[in-house]
Amino acid sequence: EAASFHAEESLKLRHEAQNEMGIAISLHQLAKSKHKLGLRSEAREHANESLSIYERLLHKRGIAECLMLIGEIRFELGEREIAARLFGAAEALLDSLGAQLPQVQRDYYESSTLASMRDKLDIRTWELGRYLDMETAIQLAQEGMASIGAEKETSAPATATGATGGGALSGARQRSA
């Protein structure tokens, strides 16, 4: 709960400073903390807001982080196919960053989120997600999320781990099949 408090305070300050990148980062941090508390509806709302800002800024790393978090939420709600596609798309975005993403950070994403989810999801569907263009992946992440309401909340903390903060990378990406 302390993490949520600090993320909310950070969000207020960044709104006051009109720092759009900072707002996206704070929203993502707030979404992760709400997710860990089992508050999926709030986590989804903050993750979608963050995703929208990252999309507007063409910030691929932030988009990938949001896709992973939303993928975790969708997985927990039993939407395994959507989750697999979102993780595939996130992985492809991270791969596209290449040298811009230090190996230690890429290793973190791989060990903390991607590997654990890859073992739980259909690898063929995951691979299909790798070929989604960024806009389609974002639409997939946001579609149906409005229907995930408080009735799907849980008092237990989430079991999957989330991704961390964002860097300053940009550029739209499409991957051809």
N, C-alpha and C. Protein backbone atom coordinates (compact mmCIF):
# COMPACT_ATOMS: atom_id res chain seq x y z
N GLU A 1 0.82 -1.20 0.00
CA GLU A 1 0.00 0.00 0.00
C GLU A 1 0.86 1.25 0.00
N ALA A 2 2.05 1.16 0.59
CA ALA A 2 2.95 2.31 0.58
C ALA A 2 3.36 2.65 -0.84
N ALA A 3 3.57 1.62 -1.65
CA ALA A 3 3.95 1.85 -3.04
C ALA A 3 2.85 2.61 -3.78
N SER A 4 1.60 2.26 -3.52
CA SER A 4 0.48 2.96 -4.15
C SER A 4 0.44 4.41 -3.71
N PHE A 5 0.66 4.63 -2.42
CA PHE A 5 0.65 6.00 -1.90
C PHE A 5 1.72 6.84 -2.59
N HIS A 6 2.94 6.30 -2.67
CA HIS A 6 4.04 7.05 -3.28
C HIS A 6 3.81 7.26 -4.78
N ALA A 7 3.24 6.27 -5.46
CA ALA A 7 2.94 6.41 -6.89
C ALA A 7 1.87 7.48 -7.10
N GLU A 8 0.88 7.53 -6.22
CA GLU A 8 -0.18 8.55 -6.33
C GLU A 8 0.39 9.95 -6.09
N GLU A 9 1.27 10.07 -5.11
CA GLU A 9 1.91 11.36 -4.84
C GLU A 9 2.78 11.79 -6.02
N SER A 10 3.52 10.86 -6.56
CA SER A 10 4.36 11.14 -7.73
C SER A 10 3.49 11.58 -8.91
N LEU A 11 2.37 10.91 -9.09
CA LEU A 11 1.46 11.24 -10.18
C LEU A 11 0.93 12.67 -10.04
N LYS A 12 0.57 13.05 -8.82
CA LYS A 12 0.08 14.42 -8.57
C LYS A 12 1.15 15.45 -8.95
N LEU A 13 2.37 15.22 -8.50
CA LEU A 13 3.46 16.16 -8.80
C LEU A 13 3.72 16.25 -10.30
N ARG A 14 3.69 15.12 -10.97
CA ARG A 14 3.96 15.12 -12.41
C ARG A 14 2.82 15.76 -13.18
N HIS A 15 1.59 15.64 -12.68
CA HIS A 15 0.47 16.35 -13.32
C HIS A 15 0.67 17.85 -13.16
N GLU A 16 1.05 18.28 -11.96
CA GLU A 16 1.29 19.70 -11.71
C GLU A 16 2.39 20.24 -12.62
N ALA A 17 3.42 19.45 -12.86
CA ALA A 17 4.54 19.87 -13.70
C ALA A 17 4.24 19.65 -15.19
N GLN A 18 3.09 19.07 -15.50
CA GLN A 18 2.70 18.76 -16.88
C GLN A 18 3.77 17.92 -17.58
N ASN A 19 4.32 16.97 -16.86
CA ASN A 19 5.36 16.08 -17.36
C ASN A 19 4.69 14.81 -17.88
N GLU A 20 4.43 14.76 -19.19
CA GLU A 20 3.67 13.66 -19.77
C GLU A 20 4.38 12.31 -19.61
N MET A 21 5.69 12.28 -19.85
CA MET A 21 6.42 11.02 -19.67
C MET A 21 6.38 10.59 -18.21
N GLY A 22 6.56 11.54 -17.31
CA GLY A 22 6.49 11.23 -15.89
C GLY A 22 5.13 10.73 -15.47
N ILE A 23 4.08 11.30 -16.05
CA ILE A 23 2.73 10.85 -15.76
C ILE A 23 2.56 9.39 -16.19
N ALA A 24 3.05 9.06 -17.38
CA ALA A 24 2.95 7.68 -17.88
C ALA A 24 3.69 6.72 -16.95
N ILE A 25 4.88 7.11 -16.52
CA ILE A 25 5.66 6.26 -15.62
C ILE A 25 4.94 6.08 -14.29
N SER A 26 4.43 7.18 -13.72
CA SER A 26 3.72 7.09 -12.44
C SER A 26 2.45 6.26 -12.55
N LEU A 27 1.72 6.42 -13.66
CA LEU A 27 0.51 5.61 -13.86
C LEU A 27 0.85 4.12 -13.94
N HIS A 28 1.96 3.81 -14.62
CA HIS A 28 2.37 2.41 -14.72
C HIS A 28 2.77 1.87 -13.35
N GLN A 29 3.51 2.66 -12.58
CA GLN A 29 3.89 2.23 -11.23
C GLN A 29 2.65 2.03 -10.36
N LEU A 30 1.70 2.93 -10.48
CA LEU A 30 0.46 2.82 -9.72
C LEU A 30 -0.31 1.57 -10.15
N ALA A 31 -0.34 1.30 -11.44
CA ALA A 31 -1.01 0.10 -11.95
C ALA A 31 -0.37 -1.16 -11.39
N LYS A 32 0.96 -1.19 -11.36
CA LYS A 32 1.66 -2.36 -10.82
C LYS A 32 1.35 -2.56 -9.33
N SER A 33 1.34 -1.47 -8.58
CA SER A 33 1.08 -1.61 -7.15
C SER A 33 -0.36 -2.06 -6.90
N LYS A 34 -1.31 -1.53 -7.66
CA LYS A 34 -2.71 -1.95 -7.51
C LYS A 34 -2.86 -3.42 -7.90
N HIS A 35 -2.15 -3.83 -8.95
CA HIS A 35 -2.19 -5.22 -9.39
C HIS A 35 -1.67 -6.15 -8.30
N LYS A 36 -0.57 -5.77 -7.66
CA LYS A 36 0.00 -6.60 -6.60
C LYS A 36 -0.95 -6.70 -5.40
N LEU A 37 -1.79 -5.70 -5.22
CA LEU A 37 -2.78 -5.73 -4.14
C LEU A 37 -4.04 -6.50 -4.54
N GLY A 38 -4.10 -6.97 -5.79
CA GLY A 38 -5.25 -7.71 -6.28
C GLY A 38 -6.38 -6.83 -6.78
N LEU A 39 -6.12 -5.55 -6.97
CA LEU A 39 -7.14 -4.60 -7.43
C LEU A 39 -7.04 -4.48 -8.95
N ARG A 40 -7.52 -5.51 -9.64
CA ARG A 40 -7.35 -5.58 -11.10
C ARG A 40 -8.05 -4.46 -11.85
N SER A 41 -9.22 -4.07 -11.42
CA SER A 41 -9.96 -3.02 -12.11
C SER A 41 -9.17 -1.71 -12.09
N GLU A 42 -8.66 -1.35 -10.91
CA GLU A 42 -7.86 -0.12 -10.81
C GLU A 42 -6.55 -0.26 -11.57
N ALA A 43 -5.93 -1.44 -11.48
CA ALA A 43 -4.68 -1.68 -12.20
C ALA A 43 -4.91 -1.53 -13.70
N ARG A 44 -5.99 -2.11 -14.19
CA ARG A 44 -6.33 -2.02 -15.61
C ARG A 44 -6.53 -0.58 -16.05
N GLU A 45 -7.24 0.18 -15.24
CA GLU A 45 -7.52 1.58 -15.58
C GLU A 45 -6.22 2.38 -15.69
N HIS A 46 -5.34 2.24 -14.71
CA HIS A 46 -4.08 2.98 -14.72
C HIS A 46 -3.15 2.49 -15.84
N ALA A 47 -3.14 1.18 -16.07
CA ALA A 47 -2.30 0.63 -17.15
C ALA A 47 -2.77 1.14 -18.51
N ASN A 48 -4.08 1.21 -18.71
CA ASN A 48 -4.62 1.72 -19.98
C ASN A 48 -4.28 3.20 -20.17
N GLU A 49 -4.37 3.98 -19.10
CA GLU A 49 -4.01 5.40 -19.20
C GLU A 49 -2.53 5.54 -19.55
N SER A 50 -1.70 4.77 -18.89
CA SER A 50 -0.27 4.80 -19.16
C SER A 50 0.01 4.38 -20.59
N LEU A 51 -0.63 3.30 -21.03
CA LEU A 51 -0.45 2.80 -22.39
C LEU A 51 -0.83 3.87 -23.42
N SER A 52 -1.91 4.58 -23.18
CA SER A 52 -2.34 5.63 -24.11
C SER A 52 -1.30 6.74 -24.24
N ILE A 53 -0.72 7.11 -23.12
CA ILE A 53 0.32 8.16 -23.15
C ILE A 53 1.56 7.64 -23.86
N TYR A 54 2.01 6.45 -23.50
CA TYR A 54 3.18 5.87 -24.16
C TYR A 54 2.95 5.74 -25.67
N GLU A 55 1.73 5.39 -26.06
CA GLU A 55 1.42 5.28 -27.49
C GLU A 55 1.55 6.65 -28.16
N ARG A 56 1.01 7.67 -27.52
CA ARG A 56 1.09 9.03 -28.07
C ARG A 56 2.54 9.48 -28.20
N LEU A 57 3.38 9.07 -27.25
CA LEU A 57 4.79 9.45 -27.26
C LEU A 57 5.65 8.50 -28.11
N LEU A 58 5.03 7.43 -28.62
CA LEU A 58 5.74 6.39 -29.38
C LEU A 58 6.90 5.81 -28.57
N HIS A 59 6.66 5.58 -27.29
CA HIS A 59 7.67 5.08 -26.36
C HIS A 59 7.53 3.56 -26.29
N LYS A 60 8.32 2.85 -27.08
CA LYS A 60 8.16 1.41 -27.24
C LYS A 60 8.40 0.62 -25.95
N ARG A 61 9.36 1.03 -25.19
CA ARG A 61 9.63 0.30 -23.95
C ARG A 61 8.46 0.43 -22.98
N GLY A 62 7.92 1.62 -22.86
CA GLY A 62 6.75 1.81 -22.00
C GLY A 62 5.55 1.03 -22.50
N ILE A 63 5.36 1.01 -23.81
CA ILE A 63 4.26 0.23 -24.40
C ILE A 63 4.45 -1.24 -24.06
N ALA A 64 5.68 -1.75 -24.23
CA ALA A 64 5.95 -3.15 -23.92
C ALA A 64 5.66 -3.46 -22.46
N GLU A 65 6.05 -2.59 -21.56
CA GLU A 65 5.79 -2.80 -20.14
C GLU A 65 4.30 -2.84 -19.85
N CYS A 66 3.55 -1.95 -20.47
CA CYS A 66 2.09 -1.95 -20.28
C CYS A 66 1.46 -3.21 -20.87
N LEU A 67 1.94 -3.63 -22.04
CA LEU A 67 1.40 -4.86 -22.64
C LEU A 67 1.64 -6.06 -21.73
N MET A 68 2.81 -6.11 -21.09
CA MET A 68 3.10 -7.21 -20.18
C MET A 68 2.18 -7.18 -18.96
N LEU A 69 1.99 -6.00 -18.38
CA LEU A 69 1.13 -5.89 -17.21
C LEU A 69 -0.31 -6.24 -17.56
N ILE A 70 -0.81 -5.70 -18.65
CA ILE A 70 -2.17 -6.02 -19.07
C ILE A 70 -2.27 -7.50 -19.43
N GLY A 71 -1.22 -8.06 -20.02
CA GLY A 71 -1.19 -9.49 -20.30
C GLY A 71 -1.32 -10.32 -19.03
N GLU A 72 -0.64 -9.90 -17.97
CA GLU A 72 -0.75 -10.61 -16.69
C GLU A 72 -2.18 -10.56 -16.17
N ILE A 73 -2.79 -9.38 -16.25
CA ILE A 73 -4.17 -9.24 -15.77
C ILE A 73 -5.10 -10.12 -16.60
N ARG A 74 -4.94 -10.10 -17.93
CA ARG A 74 -5.80 -10.91 -18.79
C ARG A 74 -5.58 -12.40 -18.51
N PHE A 75 -4.35 -12.80 -18.25
CA PHE A 75 -4.05 -14.20 -17.91
C PHE A 75 -4.79 -14.60 -16.64
N GLU A 76 -4.72 -13.75 -15.62
CA GLU A 76 -5.37 -14.05 -14.34
C GLU A 76 -6.88 -14.14 -14.48
N LEU A 77 -7.43 -13.47 -15.49
CA LEU A 77 -8.87 -13.51 -15.73
C LEU A 77 -9.26 -14.66 -16.66
N GLY A 78 -8.28 -15.50 -17.00
CA GLY A 78 -8.56 -16.67 -17.82
C GLY A 78 -8.51 -16.40 -19.32
N GLU A 79 -8.08 -15.23 -19.71
CA GLU A 79 -8.01 -14.87 -21.14
C GLU A 79 -6.61 -15.20 -21.66
N ARG A 80 -6.32 -16.50 -21.71
CA ARG A 80 -4.97 -16.99 -22.01
C ARG A 80 -4.51 -16.64 -23.43
N GLU A 81 -5.40 -16.72 -24.41
CA GLU A 81 -5.01 -16.43 -25.79
C GLU A 81 -4.62 -14.97 -25.95
N ILE A 82 -5.42 -14.08 -25.39
CA ILE A 82 -5.10 -12.65 -25.47
C ILE A 82 -3.80 -12.38 -24.72
N ALA A 83 -3.65 -12.98 -23.54
CA ALA A 83 -2.43 -12.79 -22.76
C ALA A 83 -1.21 -13.24 -23.56
N ALA A 84 -1.29 -14.40 -24.20
CA ALA A 84 -0.17 -14.91 -24.98
C ALA A 84 0.20 -13.95 -26.11
N ARG A 85 -0.79 -13.43 -26.80
CA ARG A 85 -0.51 -12.49 -27.90
C ARG A 85 0.11 -11.19 -27.37
N LEU A 86 -0.38 -10.72 -26.23
CA LEU A 86 0.18 -9.50 -25.66
C LEU A 86 1.63 -9.70 -25.23
N PHE A 87 1.92 -10.85 -24.63
CA PHE A 87 3.31 -11.12 -24.25
C PHE A 87 4.20 -11.27 -25.47
N GLY A 88 3.69 -11.89 -26.53
CA GLY A 88 4.47 -12.01 -27.76
C GLY A 88 4.77 -10.64 -28.36
N ALA A 89 3.76 -9.78 -28.38
CA ALA A 89 3.95 -8.42 -28.91
C ALA A 89 4.93 -7.64 -28.05
N ALA A 90 4.83 -7.77 -26.74
CA ALA A 90 5.75 -7.07 -25.83
C ALA A 90 7.17 -7.55 -26.04
N GLU A 91 7.34 -8.85 -26.18
CA GLU A 91 8.66 -9.41 -26.40
C GLU A 91 9.26 -8.90 -27.71
N ALA A 92 8.44 -8.84 -28.76
CA ALA A 92 8.92 -8.34 -30.05
C ALA A 92 9.32 -6.87 -29.94
N LEU A 93 8.55 -6.07 -29.21
CA LEU A 93 8.92 -4.66 -29.01
C LEU A 93 10.24 -4.55 -28.28
N LEU A 94 10.42 -5.34 -27.23
CA LEU A 94 11.69 -5.31 -26.50
C LEU A 94 12.83 -5.75 -27.40
N ASP A 95 12.61 -6.79 -28.21
CA ASP A 95 13.64 -7.23 -29.16
C ASP A 95 14.00 -6.14 -30.14
N SER A 96 12.99 -5.37 -30.56
CA SER A 96 13.23 -4.32 -31.56
C SER A 96 14.09 -3.18 -31.02
N LEU A 97 14.19 -3.09 -29.70
CA LEU A 97 15.00 -2.02 -29.11
C LEU A 97 16.49 -2.30 -29.27
N GLY A 98 16.84 -3.56 -29.45
CA GLY A 98 18.22 -3.95 -29.72
C GLY A 98 19.21 -3.34 -28.76
N ALA A 99 20.21 -2.68 -29.32
CA ALA A 99 21.30 -2.11 -28.53
C ALA A 99 20.82 -0.98 -27.62
N GLN A 100 19.64 -0.45 -27.87
CA GLN A 100 19.13 0.65 -27.04
C GLN A 100 18.71 0.16 -25.66
N LEU A 101 18.51 -1.13 -25.51
CA LEU A 101 18.11 -1.70 -24.23
C LEU A 101 19.29 -2.49 -23.68
N PRO A 102 19.91 -2.02 -22.61
CA PRO A 102 21.07 -2.73 -22.06
C PRO A 102 20.73 -4.18 -21.73
N GLN A 103 21.69 -5.07 -21.95
CA GLN A 103 21.47 -6.51 -21.76
C GLN A 103 20.97 -6.84 -20.35
N VAL A 104 21.45 -6.14 -19.35
CA VAL A 104 21.01 -6.43 -17.98
C VAL A 104 19.52 -6.17 -17.84
N GLN A 105 18.99 -5.13 -18.50
CA GLN A 105 17.56 -4.86 -18.43
C GLN A 105 16.78 -5.89 -19.24
N ARG A 106 17.30 -6.27 -20.40
CA ARG A 106 16.63 -7.29 -21.21
C ARG A 106 16.59 -8.61 -20.43
N ASP A 107 17.68 -8.93 -19.74
CA ASP A 107 17.72 -10.15 -18.93
C ASP A 107 16.68 -10.08 -17.81
N TYR A 108 16.50 -8.88 -17.24
CA TYR A 108 15.51 -8.72 -16.17
C TYR A 108 14.11 -9.04 -16.70
N TYR A 109 13.75 -8.44 -17.85
CA TYR A 109 12.42 -8.70 -18.41
C TYR A 109 12.24 -10.19 -18.68
N GLU A 110 13.29 -10.80 -19.22
CA GLU A 110 13.21 -12.22 -19.55
C GLU A 110 12.99 -13.06 -18.29
N SER A 111 13.77 -12.81 -17.24
CA SER A 111 13.67 -13.65 -16.05
C SER A 111 12.47 -13.30 -15.18
N SER A 112 12.09 -12.03 -15.11
CA SER A 112 11.03 -11.64 -14.18
C SER A 112 9.63 -11.88 -14.72
N THR A 113 9.43 -11.73 -16.01
CA THR A 113 8.07 -11.80 -16.53
C THR A 113 7.94 -12.74 -17.72
N LEU A 114 8.74 -12.54 -18.73
CA LEU A 114 8.55 -13.28 -19.97
C LEU A 114 8.70 -14.79 -19.78
N ALA A 115 9.77 -15.24 -19.14
CA ALA A 115 10.01 -16.68 -19.00
C ALA A 115 8.91 -17.36 -18.21
N SER A 116 8.49 -16.74 -17.10
CA SER A 116 7.47 -17.38 -16.27
C SER A 116 6.13 -17.48 -17.01
N MET A 117 5.80 -16.47 -17.79
CA MET A 117 4.54 -16.51 -18.52
C MET A 117 4.63 -17.40 -19.75
N ARG A 118 5.79 -17.46 -20.38
CA ARG A 118 5.96 -18.29 -21.58
C ARG A 118 5.68 -19.75 -21.24
N ASP A 119 6.05 -20.17 -20.04
CA ASP A 119 5.82 -21.55 -19.62
C ASP A 119 4.34 -21.85 -19.37
N LYS A 120 3.53 -20.83 -19.18
CA LYS A 120 2.12 -21.01 -18.85
C LYS A 120 1.20 -20.86 -20.05
N LEU A 121 1.71 -20.32 -21.16
CA LEU A 121 0.86 -19.97 -22.29
C LEU A 121 1.24 -20.74 -23.55
N ASP A 122 0.32 -20.84 -24.48
CA ASP A 122 0.55 -21.52 -25.74
C ASP A 122 1.59 -20.77 -26.56
N ILE A 123 2.69 -21.44 -26.87
CA ILE A 123 3.82 -20.80 -27.55
C ILE A 123 3.47 -20.37 -28.97
N ARG A 124 2.58 -21.12 -29.64
CA ARG A 124 2.19 -20.73 -31.01
C ARG A 124 1.41 -19.42 -30.99
N THR A 125 0.53 -19.28 -30.02
CA THR A 125 -0.23 -18.03 -29.91
C THR A 125 0.70 -16.90 -29.52
N TRP A 126 1.65 -17.17 -28.64
CA TRP A 126 2.66 -16.19 -28.25
C TRP A 126 3.40 -15.72 -29.50
N GLU A 127 3.83 -16.65 -30.35
CA GLU A 127 4.56 -16.30 -31.57
C GLU A 127 3.71 -15.45 -32.50
N LEU A 128 2.42 -15.73 -32.59
CA LEU A 128 1.53 -14.90 -33.41
C LEU A 128 1.53 -13.46 -32.90
N GLY A 129 1.58 -13.32 -31.60
CA GLY A 129 1.63 -11.98 -31.00
C GLY A 129 2.88 -11.22 -31.41
N ARG A 130 3.97 -11.91 -31.64
CA ARG A 130 5.22 -11.26 -32.04
C ARG A 130 5.07 -10.55 -33.40
N TYR A 131 4.10 -10.97 -34.19
CA TYR A 131 3.92 -10.39 -35.52
C TYR A 131 2.82 -9.33 -35.57
N LEU A 132 2.24 -9.01 -34.43
CA LEU A 132 1.26 -7.93 -34.41
C LEU A 132 1.99 -6.60 -34.55
N ASP A 133 1.43 -5.68 -35.32
CA ASP A 133 2.03 -4.35 -35.33
C ASP A 133 1.64 -3.67 -34.02
N MET A 134 2.34 -2.61 -33.69
CA MET A 134 2.18 -1.97 -32.40
C MET A 134 0.74 -1.50 -32.18
N GLU A 135 0.13 -0.90 -33.18
CA GLU A 135 -1.24 -0.40 -33.03
C GLU A 135 -2.23 -1.53 -32.73
N THR A 136 -2.07 -2.65 -33.43
CA THR A 136 -2.96 -3.79 -33.22
C THR A 136 -2.77 -4.36 -31.82
N ALA A 137 -1.54 -4.45 -31.36
CA ALA A 137 -1.27 -4.95 -30.02
C ALA A 137 -1.91 -4.04 -28.97
N ILE A 138 -1.82 -2.74 -29.17
CA ILE A 138 -2.43 -1.79 -28.23
C ILE A 138 -3.95 -1.94 -28.23
N GLN A 139 -4.54 -2.07 -29.42
CA GLN A 139 -5.99 -2.27 -29.50
C GLN A 139 -6.40 -3.55 -28.78
N LEU A 140 -5.62 -4.62 -28.98
CA LEU A 140 -5.92 -5.89 -28.32
C LEU A 140 -5.84 -5.74 -26.80
N ALA A 141 -4.85 -4.99 -26.33
CA ALA A 141 -4.70 -4.78 -24.89
C ALA A 141 -5.89 -4.02 -24.31
N GLN A 142 -6.39 -3.07 -25.06
CA GLN A 142 -7.46 -2.22 -24.54
C GLN A 142 -8.85 -2.78 -24.80
N GLU A 143 -9.00 -3.66 -25.77
CA GLU A 143 -10.31 -4.18 -26.10
C GLU A 143 -10.80 -5.11 -25.01
N GLY A 144 -12.03 -4.91 -24.62
CA GLY A 144 -12.62 -5.75 -23.59
C GLY A 144 -12.22 -5.39 -22.17
N MET A 145 -11.24 -4.51 -22.01
CA MET A 145 -10.78 -4.18 -20.66
C MET A 145 -11.84 -3.40 -19.90
N ALA A 146 -12.67 -2.64 -20.58
CA ALA A 146 -13.69 -1.86 -19.89
C ALA A 146 -14.69 -2.77 -19.18
N SER A 147 -14.85 -3.99 -19.69
CA SER A 147 -15.82 -4.91 -19.09
C SER A 147 -15.26 -5.62 -17.86
N ILE A 148 -13.98 -5.44 -17.59
CA ILE A 148 -13.38 -6.07 -16.41
C ILE A 148 -13.65 -5.14 -15.23
N GLY A 149 -14.62 -5.47 -14.46
CA GLY A 149 -15.03 -4.58 -13.39
C GLY A 149 -14.69 -5.11 -12.01
N ALA A 150 -15.25 -4.47 -11.02
CA ALA A 150 -14.95 -4.81 -9.63
C ALA A 150 -15.35 -6.23 -9.28
N GLU A 151 -16.32 -6.81 -10.02
CA GLU A 151 -16.73 -8.17 -9.70
C GLU A 151 -15.60 -9.17 -9.94
N LYS A 152 -14.59 -8.79 -10.69
CA LYS A 152 -13.45 -9.67 -10.96
C LYS A 152 -12.30 -9.39 -10.00
N GLU A 153 -12.49 -8.46 -9.09
CA GLU A 153 -11.43 -8.12 -8.12
C GLU A 153 -11.17 -9.30 -7.22
N THR A 154 -10.02 -9.32 -6.63
CA THR A 154 -9.67 -10.36 -5.68
C THR A 154 -8.96 -9.70 -4.51
N SER A 155 -9.14 -10.24 -3.34
CA SER A 155 -8.44 -9.67 -2.19
C SER A 155 -7.03 -10.22 -2.07
N ALA A 156 -6.74 -11.29 -2.81
CA ALA A 156 -5.40 -11.87 -2.76
C ALA A 156 -4.46 -11.13 -3.70
N PRO A 157 -3.21 -10.96 -3.31
CA PRO A 157 -2.25 -10.32 -4.20
C PRO A 157 -2.03 -11.15 -5.46
N ALA A 158 -1.66 -10.47 -6.54
CA ALA A 158 -1.38 -11.14 -7.80
C ALA A 158 -0.17 -12.03 -7.64
N THR A 159 -0.13 -13.12 -8.42
CA THR A 159 0.98 -14.05 -8.31
C THR A 159 2.07 -13.80 -9.32
N ALA A 160 1.73 -13.22 -10.46
CA ALA A 160 2.76 -12.97 -11.48
C ALA A 160 3.49 -11.68 -11.15
N THR A 161 4.74 -11.59 -11.59
CA THR A 161 5.52 -10.39 -11.31
C THR A 161 5.35 -9.39 -12.43
N GLY A 162 5.53 -8.10 -12.14
CA GLY A 162 5.38 -7.04 -13.13
C GLY A 162 6.72 -6.56 -13.65
N ALA A 163 6.69 -5.74 -14.70
CA ALA A 163 7.90 -5.14 -15.26
C ALA A 163 8.17 -3.82 -14.55
N THR A 164 9.29 -3.23 -14.80
CA THR A 164 9.66 -2.01 -14.09
C THR A 164 9.73 -0.82 -15.01
N GLY A 165 9.99 0.35 -14.43
CA GLY A 165 10.12 1.68 -15.03
C GLY A 165 10.40 1.78 -16.50
N GLY A 166 10.52 2.94 -17.08
CA GLY A 166 10.70 3.10 -18.51
C GLY A 166 11.89 3.94 -18.86
N GLY A 167 12.37 3.79 -20.06
CA GLY A 167 13.47 4.59 -20.57
C GLY A 167 12.97 5.52 -21.65
N ALA A 168 13.86 6.24 -22.28
CA ALA A 168 13.44 7.23 -23.27
C ALA A 168 13.76 6.75 -24.67
N LEU A 169 12.98 5.80 -25.15
CA LEU A 169 13.16 5.29 -26.51
C LEU A 169 11.88 5.56 -27.27
N SER A 170 11.98 5.80 -28.56
CA SER A 170 10.76 6.05 -29.32
C SER A 170 10.87 5.45 -30.70
N GLY A 171 9.74 5.46 -31.41
CA GLY A 171 9.70 5.00 -32.79
C GLY A 171 8.66 3.92 -32.93
N ALA A 172 7.85 4.03 -33.97
CA ALA A 172 6.85 3.02 -34.24
C ALA A 172 7.53 1.83 -34.90
N ARG A 173 6.92 0.65 -34.72
CA ARG A 173 7.54 -0.56 -35.26
C ARG A 173 6.46 -1.44 -35.82
N GLN A 174 6.73 -1.98 -36.98
CA GLN A 174 5.89 -3.03 -37.52
C GLN A 174 6.78 -4.18 -37.90
N ARG A 175 6.31 -5.38 -37.61
CA ARG A 175 7.09 -6.57 -37.92
C ARG A 175 6.34 -7.35 -38.97
N SER A 176 7.00 -7.66 -40.05
CA SER A 176 6.32 -8.38 -41.13
C SER A 176 6.43 -9.87 -40.91
N ALA A 177 5.41 -10.58 -41.35
CA ALA A 177 5.40 -12.04 -41.18
C ALA A 177 6.25 -12.70 -42.23
